[in-house]
N, C-alpha and C. Protein backbone atom coordinates (compact mmCIF):
# COMPACT_ATOMS: atom_id res chain seq x y z
N UNK A 1 16.45 -11.13 44.56
CA UNK A 1 16.87 -11.20 43.19
C UNK A 1 17.54 -12.55 42.96
N UNK A 2 17.18 -13.19 41.86
CA UNK A 2 17.76 -14.50 41.54
C UNK A 2 19.15 -14.31 40.96
N UNK A 3 20.03 -15.23 41.29
CA UNK A 3 21.38 -15.17 40.76
C UNK A 3 21.52 -16.25 39.69
N UNK A 4 22.28 -15.90 38.68
CA UNK A 4 22.53 -16.85 37.59
C UNK A 4 23.90 -17.45 37.85
N UNK A 5 23.97 -18.74 37.86
CA UNK A 5 25.26 -19.38 38.13
C UNK A 5 25.95 -19.67 36.80
N UNK A 6 27.26 -19.55 36.81
CA UNK A 6 28.06 -19.83 35.63
C UNK A 6 28.38 -21.32 35.59
N UNK A 7 28.40 -21.88 34.39
CA UNK A 7 28.82 -23.27 34.28
C UNK A 7 30.28 -23.41 34.72
N UNK A 8 30.64 -24.60 35.17
CA UNK A 8 32.02 -24.84 35.63
C UNK A 8 33.01 -24.57 34.50
N UNK A 9 34.10 -23.95 34.85
CA UNK A 9 35.18 -23.69 33.91
C UNK A 9 34.98 -22.44 33.07
N UNK A 10 33.87 -21.73 33.22
CA UNK A 10 33.62 -20.52 32.45
C UNK A 10 33.90 -19.33 33.36
N UNK A 11 34.88 -18.53 32.95
CA UNK A 11 35.25 -17.37 33.75
C UNK A 11 34.51 -16.14 33.24
N UNK A 12 34.54 -15.12 34.05
CA UNK A 12 33.90 -13.86 33.67
C UNK A 12 34.54 -13.28 32.42
N UNK A 13 35.85 -13.41 32.29
CA UNK A 13 36.52 -12.85 31.11
C UNK A 13 36.12 -13.62 29.85
N UNK A 14 35.90 -14.93 29.96
CA UNK A 14 35.47 -15.73 28.82
C UNK A 14 34.05 -15.31 28.39
N UNK A 15 33.18 -15.07 29.36
CA UNK A 15 31.81 -14.62 29.07
C UNK A 15 31.87 -13.26 28.38
N UNK A 16 32.74 -12.35 28.86
CA UNK A 16 32.87 -11.03 28.27
C UNK A 16 33.35 -11.14 26.83
N UNK A 17 34.32 -12.02 26.55
CA UNK A 17 34.83 -12.22 25.19
C UNK A 17 33.72 -12.76 24.29
N UNK A 18 32.94 -13.73 24.80
CA UNK A 18 31.87 -14.30 23.99
C UNK A 18 30.82 -13.25 23.65
N UNK A 19 30.49 -12.38 24.62
CA UNK A 19 29.53 -11.32 24.36
C UNK A 19 30.07 -10.32 23.34
N UNK A 20 31.35 -10.01 23.43
CA UNK A 20 31.98 -9.09 22.49
C UNK A 20 31.93 -9.67 21.08
N UNK A 21 32.28 -10.94 20.94
CA UNK A 21 32.26 -11.59 19.62
C UNK A 21 30.83 -11.61 19.06
N UNK A 22 29.85 -11.91 19.90
CA UNK A 22 28.46 -11.93 19.45
C UNK A 22 28.02 -10.53 19.00
N UNK A 23 28.41 -9.50 19.76
CA UNK A 23 28.04 -8.14 19.40
C UNK A 23 28.68 -7.73 18.08
N UNK A 24 29.96 -8.08 17.88
CA UNK A 24 30.63 -7.77 16.62
C UNK A 24 29.97 -8.50 15.45
N UNK A 25 29.53 -9.72 15.69
CA UNK A 25 28.85 -10.48 14.64
C UNK A 25 27.54 -9.82 14.24
N UNK A 26 26.81 -9.31 15.21
CA UNK A 26 25.57 -8.61 14.91
C UNK A 26 25.84 -7.34 14.14
N UNK A 27 26.87 -6.59 14.55
CA UNK A 27 27.21 -5.36 13.85
C UNK A 27 27.64 -5.64 12.41
N UNK A 28 28.39 -6.71 12.23
CA UNK A 28 28.86 -7.06 10.88
C UNK A 28 27.70 -7.49 9.99
N UNK A 29 26.69 -8.13 10.55
CA UNK A 29 25.59 -8.61 9.73
C UNK A 29 24.50 -7.57 9.54
N UNK A 30 24.58 -6.43 10.22
CA UNK A 30 23.54 -5.40 10.11
C UNK A 30 23.32 -4.93 8.67
N UNK A 31 24.38 -4.66 7.88
CA UNK A 31 24.13 -4.25 6.49
C UNK A 31 23.42 -5.34 5.69
N UNK A 32 23.75 -6.59 5.95
CA UNK A 32 23.08 -7.68 5.23
C UNK A 32 21.61 -7.76 5.62
N UNK A 33 21.33 -7.61 6.91
CA UNK A 33 19.94 -7.63 7.37
C UNK A 33 19.17 -6.45 6.79
N UNK A 34 19.80 -5.29 6.74
CA UNK A 34 19.15 -4.10 6.19
C UNK A 34 18.85 -4.30 4.71
N UNK A 35 19.79 -4.85 3.96
CA UNK A 35 19.59 -5.10 2.53
C UNK A 35 18.47 -6.11 2.32
N UNK A 36 18.43 -7.14 3.16
CA UNK A 36 17.37 -8.15 3.04
C UNK A 36 16.01 -7.53 3.33
N UNK A 37 15.95 -6.66 4.33
CA UNK A 37 14.67 -6.01 4.67
C UNK A 37 14.21 -5.12 3.54
N UNK A 38 15.14 -4.39 2.89
CA UNK A 38 14.76 -3.53 1.77
C UNK A 38 14.27 -4.35 0.59
N UNK A 39 14.83 -5.54 0.39
CA UNK A 39 14.44 -6.37 -0.74
C UNK A 39 13.01 -6.87 -0.61
N UNK A 40 12.52 -7.09 0.60
CA UNK A 40 11.17 -7.61 0.77
C UNK A 40 10.15 -6.55 1.14
N UNK A 41 10.58 -5.32 1.42
CA UNK A 41 9.66 -4.25 1.77
C UNK A 41 9.16 -3.58 0.50
N UNK A 42 7.83 -3.62 0.24
CA UNK A 42 7.34 -2.96 -0.97
C UNK A 42 7.48 -1.45 -0.84
N UNK A 43 7.99 -0.83 -1.86
CA UNK A 43 8.16 0.62 -1.85
C UNK A 43 6.97 1.26 -2.56
N UNK A 44 6.65 2.46 -2.13
CA UNK A 44 5.59 3.21 -2.81
C UNK A 44 6.08 3.54 -4.21
N UNK A 45 5.20 3.43 -5.17
CA UNK A 45 5.58 3.78 -6.54
C UNK A 45 5.94 5.26 -6.58
N UNK A 46 6.95 5.62 -7.38
CA UNK A 46 7.28 7.03 -7.49
C UNK A 46 6.08 7.76 -8.12
N UNK A 47 6.04 9.07 -7.95
CA UNK A 47 4.93 9.85 -8.49
C UNK A 47 4.88 9.64 -10.01
N UNK A 48 3.78 9.10 -10.51
CA UNK A 48 3.71 8.82 -11.95
C UNK A 48 3.49 10.11 -12.75
N UNK A 49 3.90 10.06 -13.99
CA UNK A 49 3.70 11.17 -14.91
C UNK A 49 2.26 11.15 -15.41
N UNK A 50 1.66 12.31 -15.67
CA UNK A 50 0.30 12.33 -16.22
C UNK A 50 0.27 11.62 -17.58
N UNK A 51 -0.79 10.86 -17.81
CA UNK A 51 -0.95 10.14 -19.06
C UNK A 51 -2.00 10.86 -19.90
N UNK A 52 -1.55 11.57 -20.91
CA UNK A 52 -2.43 12.34 -21.78
C UNK A 52 -2.75 11.58 -23.06
N UNK A 53 -2.29 10.34 -23.17
CA UNK A 53 -2.40 9.58 -24.42
C UNK A 53 -3.82 9.15 -24.75
N UNK A 54 -4.66 8.99 -23.75
CA UNK A 54 -6.01 8.48 -24.01
C UNK A 54 -6.04 6.98 -24.22
N UNK A 55 -4.93 6.32 -23.92
CA UNK A 55 -4.87 4.87 -24.14
C UNK A 55 -5.68 4.11 -23.09
N UNK A 56 -6.15 2.97 -23.50
CA UNK A 56 -6.89 2.08 -22.60
C UNK A 56 -5.91 1.39 -21.67
N UNK A 57 -6.32 1.11 -20.45
CA UNK A 57 -5.46 0.42 -19.50
C UNK A 57 -6.27 -0.61 -18.75
N UNK A 58 -5.61 -1.67 -18.30
CA UNK A 58 -6.25 -2.74 -17.54
C UNK A 58 -5.53 -2.88 -16.22
N UNK A 59 -6.31 -3.07 -15.15
CA UNK A 59 -5.72 -3.21 -13.83
C UNK A 59 -6.80 -3.49 -12.81
N UNK A 60 -6.47 -3.23 -11.56
CA UNK A 60 -7.39 -3.52 -10.46
C UNK A 60 -8.05 -2.24 -9.98
N UNK A 61 -9.37 -2.31 -9.78
CA UNK A 61 -10.13 -1.18 -9.23
C UNK A 61 -10.59 -1.52 -7.83
N UNK A 62 -10.70 -0.49 -7.01
CA UNK A 62 -11.26 -0.62 -5.67
C UNK A 62 -12.25 0.53 -5.53
N UNK A 63 -12.85 0.67 -4.34
CA UNK A 63 -13.75 1.80 -4.17
C UNK A 63 -13.46 2.52 -2.86
N UNK A 64 -13.90 3.78 -2.83
CA UNK A 64 -13.67 4.63 -1.67
C UNK A 64 -14.32 4.04 -0.42
N UNK A 65 -13.62 4.10 0.67
CA UNK A 65 -14.19 3.70 1.96
C UNK A 65 -15.21 4.76 2.39
N UNK A 66 -16.15 4.36 3.22
CA UNK A 66 -17.21 5.26 3.68
C UNK A 66 -16.65 6.52 4.34
N UNK A 67 -15.49 6.41 4.98
CA UNK A 67 -14.95 7.56 5.71
C UNK A 67 -14.55 8.72 4.79
N UNK A 68 -14.46 8.48 3.47
CA UNK A 68 -14.08 9.54 2.54
C UNK A 68 -15.29 10.35 2.06
N UNK A 69 -16.49 9.91 2.36
CA UNK A 69 -17.70 10.63 1.94
C UNK A 69 -17.65 12.06 2.48
N UNK A 70 -17.86 13.03 1.60
CA UNK A 70 -17.88 14.43 2.01
C UNK A 70 -16.52 15.09 2.09
N UNK A 71 -15.46 14.33 2.01
CA UNK A 71 -14.12 14.94 2.06
C UNK A 71 -13.78 15.59 0.72
N UNK A 72 -12.94 16.61 0.81
CA UNK A 72 -12.54 17.32 -0.40
C UNK A 72 -11.62 16.45 -1.25
N UNK A 73 -11.92 16.43 -2.55
CA UNK A 73 -11.09 15.68 -3.49
C UNK A 73 -10.07 16.64 -4.13
N UNK A 74 -9.20 16.10 -4.95
CA UNK A 74 -8.13 16.90 -5.55
C UNK A 74 -8.66 18.06 -6.40
N UNK A 75 -9.84 17.90 -7.00
CA UNK A 75 -10.39 18.97 -7.82
C UNK A 75 -11.17 20.00 -7.01
N UNK A 76 -11.24 19.82 -5.67
CA UNK A 76 -11.91 20.78 -4.80
C UNK A 76 -13.35 20.41 -4.45
N UNK A 77 -13.95 19.49 -5.18
CA UNK A 77 -15.32 19.06 -4.87
C UNK A 77 -15.30 18.05 -3.73
N UNK A 78 -16.47 17.88 -3.09
CA UNK A 78 -16.59 16.88 -2.03
C UNK A 78 -16.89 15.53 -2.65
N UNK A 79 -16.33 14.48 -2.06
CA UNK A 79 -16.58 13.13 -2.56
C UNK A 79 -18.02 12.74 -2.29
N UNK A 80 -18.72 12.40 -3.35
CA UNK A 80 -20.12 12.00 -3.26
C UNK A 80 -20.19 10.48 -3.46
N UNK A 81 -20.55 9.72 -2.44
CA UNK A 81 -20.61 8.27 -2.58
C UNK A 81 -21.63 7.80 -3.62
N UNK A 82 -22.61 8.68 -3.95
CA UNK A 82 -23.61 8.33 -4.95
C UNK A 82 -23.27 8.87 -6.34
N UNK A 83 -22.14 9.57 -6.46
CA UNK A 83 -21.77 10.20 -7.73
C UNK A 83 -20.98 9.28 -8.63
N UNK A 84 -20.54 9.85 -9.75
CA UNK A 84 -19.75 9.09 -10.72
C UNK A 84 -18.27 9.44 -10.62
N UNK A 85 -17.84 9.92 -9.45
CA UNK A 85 -16.46 10.34 -9.27
C UNK A 85 -15.52 9.15 -9.11
N UNK A 86 -14.28 9.37 -9.51
CA UNK A 86 -13.26 8.33 -9.41
C UNK A 86 -11.92 8.99 -9.20
N UNK A 87 -10.93 8.17 -8.83
CA UNK A 87 -9.57 8.66 -8.60
C UNK A 87 -8.61 7.87 -9.46
N UNK A 88 -7.63 8.57 -10.03
CA UNK A 88 -6.56 7.95 -10.81
C UNK A 88 -5.28 8.68 -10.50
N UNK A 89 -4.18 7.95 -10.46
CA UNK A 89 -2.89 8.60 -10.23
C UNK A 89 -2.32 9.18 -11.51
N UNK A 90 -2.78 8.70 -12.68
CA UNK A 90 -2.15 9.12 -13.93
C UNK A 90 -3.07 9.89 -14.86
N UNK A 91 -4.37 9.61 -14.86
CA UNK A 91 -5.27 10.34 -15.75
C UNK A 91 -5.48 11.75 -15.22
N UNK A 92 -5.49 12.75 -16.10
CA UNK A 92 -5.68 14.13 -15.64
C UNK A 92 -7.05 14.32 -14.98
N UNK A 93 -7.11 15.22 -14.00
CA UNK A 93 -8.39 15.56 -13.38
C UNK A 93 -9.33 16.07 -14.47
N UNK A 94 -10.58 15.64 -14.41
CA UNK A 94 -11.56 16.03 -15.42
C UNK A 94 -11.71 15.02 -16.55
N UNK A 95 -10.84 14.02 -16.59
CA UNK A 95 -10.96 12.98 -17.62
C UNK A 95 -12.27 12.23 -17.43
N UNK A 96 -12.97 12.00 -18.52
CA UNK A 96 -14.18 11.17 -18.51
C UNK A 96 -13.76 9.83 -19.09
N UNK A 97 -14.08 8.75 -18.39
CA UNK A 97 -13.65 7.43 -18.83
C UNK A 97 -14.73 6.38 -18.57
N UNK A 98 -14.70 5.33 -19.38
CA UNK A 98 -15.59 4.19 -19.16
C UNK A 98 -14.80 3.13 -18.41
N UNK A 99 -15.36 2.64 -17.30
CA UNK A 99 -14.72 1.60 -16.51
C UNK A 99 -15.56 0.33 -16.66
N UNK A 100 -14.92 -0.75 -17.10
CA UNK A 100 -15.61 -2.01 -17.33
C UNK A 100 -15.03 -3.09 -16.43
N UNK A 101 -15.89 -3.74 -15.64
CA UNK A 101 -15.49 -4.88 -14.82
C UNK A 101 -15.33 -6.06 -15.78
N UNK A 102 -14.15 -6.61 -15.87
CA UNK A 102 -13.89 -7.68 -16.85
C UNK A 102 -14.59 -8.99 -16.50
N UNK A 103 -14.94 -9.19 -15.23
CA UNK A 103 -15.63 -10.42 -14.84
C UNK A 103 -17.13 -10.34 -15.13
N UNK A 104 -17.74 -9.18 -14.89
CA UNK A 104 -19.19 -9.05 -15.07
C UNK A 104 -19.55 -8.43 -16.41
N UNK A 105 -18.60 -7.79 -17.08
CA UNK A 105 -18.80 -7.06 -18.34
C UNK A 105 -19.70 -5.83 -18.17
N UNK A 106 -19.95 -5.43 -16.92
CA UNK A 106 -20.75 -4.23 -16.65
C UNK A 106 -19.84 -3.02 -16.70
N UNK A 107 -20.36 -1.90 -17.23
CA UNK A 107 -19.58 -0.68 -17.38
C UNK A 107 -20.30 0.51 -16.77
N UNK A 108 -19.53 1.54 -16.45
CA UNK A 108 -20.06 2.82 -15.98
C UNK A 108 -19.11 3.91 -16.46
N UNK A 109 -19.65 5.09 -16.67
CA UNK A 109 -18.84 6.24 -17.06
C UNK A 109 -18.56 7.07 -15.82
N UNK A 110 -17.29 7.43 -15.63
CA UNK A 110 -16.85 8.17 -14.45
C UNK A 110 -16.09 9.42 -14.86
N UNK A 111 -15.96 10.34 -13.92
CA UNK A 111 -15.12 11.52 -14.10
C UNK A 111 -14.02 11.46 -13.06
N UNK A 112 -12.78 11.60 -13.50
CA UNK A 112 -11.63 11.58 -12.59
C UNK A 112 -11.59 12.92 -11.86
N UNK A 113 -11.83 12.87 -10.54
CA UNK A 113 -11.86 14.09 -9.74
C UNK A 113 -10.87 14.06 -8.58
N UNK A 114 -10.14 12.94 -8.44
CA UNK A 114 -9.26 12.81 -7.29
C UNK A 114 -8.02 12.04 -7.68
N UNK A 115 -7.03 12.05 -6.79
CA UNK A 115 -5.79 11.30 -6.97
C UNK A 115 -5.84 10.04 -6.12
N UNK A 116 -5.27 8.99 -6.61
CA UNK A 116 -5.25 7.70 -5.92
C UNK A 116 -5.54 6.63 -6.95
N UNK A 117 -5.66 5.43 -6.62
CA UNK A 117 -5.43 4.85 -5.30
C UNK A 117 -3.93 4.77 -5.01
N UNK A 118 -3.61 4.70 -3.73
CA UNK A 118 -2.22 4.64 -3.31
C UNK A 118 -1.85 3.25 -2.83
N UNK A 119 -2.48 2.25 -3.41
CA UNK A 119 -2.16 0.85 -3.12
C UNK A 119 -1.53 0.28 -4.37
N UNK A 120 -0.38 -0.35 -4.22
CA UNK A 120 0.36 -0.89 -5.36
C UNK A 120 -0.53 -1.82 -6.19
N UNK A 121 -0.51 -1.62 -7.50
CA UNK A 121 -1.24 -2.50 -8.40
C UNK A 121 -2.64 -2.04 -8.75
N UNK A 122 -3.16 -1.05 -8.06
CA UNK A 122 -4.51 -0.57 -8.35
C UNK A 122 -4.43 0.65 -9.26
N UNK A 123 -5.37 0.74 -10.21
CA UNK A 123 -5.31 1.84 -11.17
C UNK A 123 -6.43 2.86 -11.01
N UNK A 124 -7.50 2.49 -10.30
CA UNK A 124 -8.61 3.42 -10.14
C UNK A 124 -9.38 3.11 -8.85
N UNK A 125 -9.82 4.18 -8.18
CA UNK A 125 -10.73 4.08 -7.05
C UNK A 125 -12.07 4.63 -7.54
N UNK A 126 -13.15 3.92 -7.24
CA UNK A 126 -14.48 4.32 -7.69
C UNK A 126 -15.34 4.74 -6.51
N UNK A 127 -16.36 5.56 -6.78
CA UNK A 127 -17.34 5.85 -5.74
C UNK A 127 -18.06 4.54 -5.43
N UNK A 128 -18.57 4.38 -4.20
CA UNK A 128 -19.29 3.14 -3.87
C UNK A 128 -20.45 2.85 -4.83
N UNK A 129 -21.17 3.88 -5.25
CA UNK A 129 -22.29 3.70 -6.16
C UNK A 129 -21.83 3.14 -7.51
N UNK A 130 -20.77 3.72 -8.05
CA UNK A 130 -20.24 3.24 -9.34
C UNK A 130 -19.71 1.83 -9.20
N UNK A 131 -19.04 1.54 -8.10
CA UNK A 131 -18.52 0.18 -7.88
C UNK A 131 -19.66 -0.83 -7.89
N UNK A 132 -20.77 -0.51 -7.23
CA UNK A 132 -21.92 -1.42 -7.22
C UNK A 132 -22.48 -1.61 -8.62
N UNK A 133 -22.54 -0.51 -9.40
CA UNK A 133 -23.09 -0.60 -10.77
C UNK A 133 -22.34 -1.61 -11.63
N UNK A 134 -21.03 -1.72 -11.41
CA UNK A 134 -20.26 -2.63 -12.26
C UNK A 134 -19.96 -3.96 -11.57
N UNK A 135 -20.54 -4.17 -10.41
CA UNK A 135 -20.43 -5.48 -9.77
C UNK A 135 -19.34 -5.64 -8.73
N UNK A 136 -18.79 -4.53 -8.24
CA UNK A 136 -17.82 -4.62 -7.14
C UNK A 136 -18.60 -4.41 -5.85
N UNK A 137 -18.63 -5.40 -5.02
CA UNK A 137 -19.38 -5.34 -3.77
C UNK A 137 -18.42 -5.19 -2.60
N UNK A 138 -18.95 -4.80 -1.44
CA UNK A 138 -18.07 -4.75 -0.26
C UNK A 138 -17.43 -6.10 0.04
N UNK A 139 -18.10 -7.17 -0.33
CA UNK A 139 -17.55 -8.50 -0.10
C UNK A 139 -16.35 -8.79 -1.01
N UNK A 140 -16.46 -8.41 -2.30
CA UNK A 140 -15.33 -8.64 -3.22
C UNK A 140 -14.27 -7.56 -3.05
N UNK A 141 -14.72 -6.31 -2.90
CA UNK A 141 -13.80 -5.21 -2.63
C UNK A 141 -13.01 -4.69 -3.81
N UNK A 142 -12.55 -5.56 -4.67
CA UNK A 142 -11.74 -5.16 -5.83
C UNK A 142 -12.17 -5.99 -7.03
N UNK A 143 -11.80 -5.52 -8.21
CA UNK A 143 -12.08 -6.28 -9.44
C UNK A 143 -11.09 -5.85 -10.51
N UNK A 144 -10.83 -6.74 -11.43
CA UNK A 144 -10.00 -6.40 -12.59
C UNK A 144 -10.88 -5.64 -13.56
N UNK A 145 -10.40 -4.48 -13.99
CA UNK A 145 -11.19 -3.60 -14.85
C UNK A 145 -10.37 -3.11 -16.04
N UNK A 146 -11.13 -2.62 -17.03
CA UNK A 146 -10.52 -1.91 -18.16
C UNK A 146 -11.00 -0.46 -18.04
N UNK A 147 -10.07 0.49 -18.07
CA UNK A 147 -10.39 1.91 -18.02
C UNK A 147 -10.11 2.48 -19.40
N UNK A 148 -11.18 2.97 -20.04
CA UNK A 148 -11.08 3.48 -21.40
C UNK A 148 -11.42 4.97 -21.40
N UNK A 149 -10.42 5.84 -21.51
CA UNK A 149 -10.70 7.27 -21.54
C UNK A 149 -11.60 7.65 -22.72
N UNK A 150 -12.49 8.61 -22.48
CA UNK A 150 -13.36 9.13 -23.54
C UNK A 150 -12.93 10.54 -23.88
N UNK A 151 -12.79 11.40 -22.85
CA UNK A 151 -12.34 12.78 -23.03
C UNK A 151 -11.21 13.03 -22.05
N UNK A 152 -10.08 13.53 -22.57
CA UNK A 152 -8.90 13.80 -21.73
C UNK A 152 -8.57 15.29 -21.82
N UNK A 153 -8.67 16.03 -20.70
CA UNK A 153 -8.28 17.44 -20.71
C UNK A 153 -6.76 17.57 -20.84
N UNK A 154 -6.32 18.49 -21.67
CA UNK A 154 -4.89 18.73 -21.86
C UNK A 154 -4.45 19.95 -21.05
N UNK A 155 -3.16 20.04 -20.73
CA UNK A 155 -2.67 21.15 -19.89
C UNK A 155 -2.93 22.54 -20.48
N UNK A 156 -3.01 22.65 -21.81
CA UNK A 156 -3.22 23.96 -22.44
C UNK A 156 -4.70 24.36 -22.51
N UNK A 157 -5.59 23.54 -21.91
CA UNK A 157 -7.00 23.87 -21.88
C UNK A 157 -7.82 23.18 -22.96
N UNK A 158 -7.15 22.65 -23.97
CA UNK A 158 -7.89 21.91 -25.01
C UNK A 158 -8.29 20.56 -24.45
N UNK A 159 -9.13 19.83 -25.18
CA UNK A 159 -9.48 18.47 -24.78
C UNK A 159 -9.13 17.52 -25.92
N UNK A 160 -8.84 16.30 -25.55
CA UNK A 160 -8.51 15.27 -26.53
C UNK A 160 -9.62 14.22 -26.47
N UNK A 161 -10.21 13.94 -27.62
CA UNK A 161 -11.18 12.86 -27.70
C UNK A 161 -10.40 11.57 -27.87
N UNK A 162 -10.58 10.67 -26.94
CA UNK A 162 -9.85 9.40 -26.98
C UNK A 162 -10.60 8.42 -27.88
N UNK A 163 -10.01 7.25 -28.06
CA UNK A 163 -10.61 6.24 -28.96
C UNK A 163 -12.01 5.85 -28.55
N UNK A 164 -12.34 5.90 -27.26
CA UNK A 164 -13.66 5.46 -26.80
C UNK A 164 -14.73 6.53 -27.00
N UNK A 165 -14.32 7.72 -27.44
CA UNK A 165 -15.31 8.78 -27.63
C UNK A 165 -16.25 8.39 -28.76
N UNK A 166 -17.54 8.65 -28.57
CA UNK A 166 -18.49 8.32 -29.64
C UNK A 166 -18.23 9.17 -30.87
N UNK A 167 -18.38 8.58 -32.04
CA UNK A 167 -18.20 9.33 -33.28
C UNK A 167 -19.48 10.11 -33.56
N UNK A 168 -19.37 11.43 -33.65
CA UNK A 168 -20.58 12.21 -33.93
C UNK A 168 -21.06 11.93 -35.34
N UNK A 169 -22.38 11.83 -35.51
CA UNK A 169 -22.97 11.62 -36.81
C UNK A 169 -23.04 12.98 -37.54
N UNK A 170 -22.63 13.01 -38.81
CA UNK A 170 -22.71 14.29 -39.52
C UNK A 170 -24.18 14.71 -39.69
N UNK A 171 -24.40 16.04 -39.61
CA UNK A 171 -25.75 16.56 -39.79
C UNK A 171 -26.06 16.59 -41.29
N UNK A 172 -27.32 16.31 -41.58
CA UNK A 172 -27.73 16.34 -43.01
C UNK A 172 -28.71 17.42 -43.25
């Protein structure tokens, strides 16, 4: 075993005092370090309230990873990578919405069947098929989109036609 030699004039009691002072300094700075760590650590958004307003929203869309194919979604159906299913944290399950990629101007109509995405800043997860339709590729992965609700189911069983709903033509 190698021995560590002490510099001349340094006694064991002086080394012990220096270690004690260093340890106290670390203990004293622990709350500051903890506060600094909390300031830079992104927190998960609190559970959002359901949005029944039917208002249009703009944000970032992503798409389901392949590993989610066939898994049960929040509405009980299996995730179909070729379907028009999507996930939103705020739109009620069963909402029908138009999703438009703002860069390509391509749109697709989706049904909200799942909860998510759980990544800060994203507003909708799309099936891989729907993502391709509007120009989101595995290479790009995400895109800025506009989500425009068409039909919003309400908690009492009624439905709300949002601004994007087509106006029915009166029968003559």
